[in-house]
Amino acid sequence: MWWLVWILLVLAALGTGALLTLRLWRQAKALGRDLAVAAELTARLDDDAPVPAAVHAPGALGEPATLDAARATRARITDERVRLRRARLDRARGRWRGHGLTD
C-alpha cells in the first residue's frame, strides 16, 4: 500500500515541477518582450541632440518687482510661521499650567 502513496507523491512532485517550469518560461518570455521594447526605445533616442545644461540660479530671477514680490511672500510666510509657533507654545504652556506643572 505504501508504494501507492510514494507513486502519488512522485507524480505530485513532477506535476508541481512542470507547473513551476511553465510559469518560469512564461515570465522569461514576458521579460524578453519587455527588453525588446526597451531596446527599441533606447535605439530611438537621439544621441546627437545636445542636452541643455540648466544653470542653477537660486532665488527669484527677473524684474525688481518679481524680487520684491518674492521677498514680501517670504516675509509673510516667516511671520505666519512665527505666529503659529507662538500659538502652539501658548497652548502647550496652558496645558502645563492646567496640570499645575508651571508657576
Protein backbone atom coordinates (compact mmCIF):
# COMPACT_ATOMS: atom_id res chain seq x y z
CA MET A 1 0.00 0.00 0.00
CA TRP A 2 2.90 2.36 0.69
CA TRP A 3 4.07 2.05 -2.87
CA LEU A 4 0.83 3.75 -3.98
CA VAL A 5 1.45 6.68 -1.64
CA TRP A 6 5.01 7.05 -2.95
CA ILE A 7 3.84 6.96 -6.56
CA LEU A 8 1.29 9.69 -5.83
CA LEU A 9 3.92 11.81 -4.09
CA VAL A 10 6.33 11.43 -7.02
CA LEU A 11 3.61 12.31 -9.53
CA ALA A 12 2.60 15.35 -7.47
CA ALA A 13 6.24 16.50 -7.30
CA LEU A 14 6.64 16.07 -11.07
CA GLY A 15 3.40 17.96 -11.74
CA THR A 16 4.42 20.79 -9.44
CA GLY A 17 7.81 20.98 -11.11
CA ALA A 18 6.16 21.11 -14.53
CA LEU A 19 3.83 23.92 -13.46
CA LEU A 20 6.70 25.92 -11.97
CA THR A 21 8.78 25.41 -15.11
CA LEU A 22 5.87 26.56 -17.29
CA ARG A 23 5.37 29.68 -15.18
CA LEU A 24 9.09 30.46 -15.26
CA TRP A 25 9.13 30.05 -19.05
CA ARG A 26 6.19 32.44 -19.45
CA GLN A 27 7.86 35.02 -17.22
CA ALA A 28 11.11 34.71 -19.18
CA LYS A 29 9.23 35.27 -22.45
CA ALA A 30 7.50 38.35 -20.99
CA LEU A 31 10.85 39.69 -19.79
CA GLY A 32 12.28 39.16 -23.28
CA ARG A 33 9.40 41.13 -24.81
CA ASP A 34 9.89 43.97 -22.32
CA LEU A 35 13.62 44.05 -23.01
CA ALA A 36 12.96 44.20 -26.75
CA VAL A 37 10.64 47.19 -26.25
CA ALA A 38 13.22 48.88 -24.03
CA ALA A 39 15.94 48.27 -26.61
CA GLU A 40 13.75 49.77 -29.33
CA LEU A 41 13.05 52.85 -27.22
CA THR A 42 16.72 53.22 -26.43
CA ALA A 43 17.60 52.98 -30.12
CA ARG A 44 15.08 55.73 -30.89
CA LEU A 45 16.79 58.17 -28.56
CA ASP A 46 18.73 60.79 -30.42
CA ASP A 47 22.29 60.72 -29.14
CA ASP A 48 23.30 63.69 -31.29
CA ALA A 49 20.89 66.14 -29.66
CA PRO A 50 22.67 68.31 -27.12
CA VAL A 51 21.37 68.09 -23.60
CA PRO A 52 20.57 71.60 -22.38
CA ALA A 53 22.62 72.47 -19.34
CA ALA A 54 20.39 74.00 -16.73
CA VAL A 55 22.13 76.82 -14.93
CA HIS A 56 21.26 76.81 -11.27
CA ALA A 57 20.44 80.26 -10.04
CA PRO A 58 18.97 80.30 -6.54
CA GLY A 59 16.15 82.66 -5.75
CA ALA A 60 13.73 84.52 -7.94
CA LEU A 61 15.06 85.92 -11.16
CA GLY A 62 13.78 88.71 -13.29
CA GLU A 63 12.48 92.18 -12.71
CA PRO A 64 12.80 94.03 -9.43
CA ALA A 65 9.03 93.77 -8.97
CA THR A 66 9.31 89.98 -9.07
CA LEU A 67 12.08 90.06 -6.48
CA ASP A 68 10.05 92.40 -4.26
CA ALA A 69 7.02 90.10 -4.51
CA ALA A 70 9.20 87.11 -3.61
CA ARG A 71 10.67 88.95 -0.61
CA ALA A 72 7.19 90.02 0.55
CA THR A 73 5.91 86.46 0.25
CA ARG A 74 8.89 85.14 2.17
CA ALA A 75 8.37 87.73 4.94
CA ARG A 76 4.65 86.89 5.10
CA ILE A 77 5.38 83.16 5.40
CA THR A 78 8.02 83.80 8.09
CA ASP A 79 5.59 85.96 10.08
CA GLU A 80 2.89 83.32 9.76
CA ARG A 81 5.26 80.61 10.99
CA VAL A 82 6.30 82.75 13.96
CA ARG A 83 2.63 83.39 14.79
CA LEU A 84 1.76 79.69 14.56
CA ARG A 85 4.77 78.73 16.69
CA ARG A 86 3.84 81.22 19.40
CA ALA A 87 0.24 80.00 19.38
CA ARG A 88 1.43 76.40 19.70
CA LEU A 89 3.72 77.28 22.59
CA ASP A 90 0.91 79.21 24.31
CA ARG A 91 -1.37 76.19 24.03
CA ALA A 92 1.34 73.94 25.44
CA ARG A 93 2.01 76.39 28.27
CA GLY A 94 -1.73 76.42 29.05
CA ARG A 95 -1.81 72.63 29.22
CA TRP A 96 1.19 72.58 31.53
CA ARG A 97 -0.42 75.20 33.77
CA GLY A 98 -3.65 73.20 33.76
CA HIS A 99 -1.73 70.27 35.19
CA GLY A 100 -0.02 72.51 37.73
CA LEU A 101 3.45 71.96 36.33
CA THR A 102 4.50 75.62 35.97
CA ASP A 103 4.09 78.78 38.02
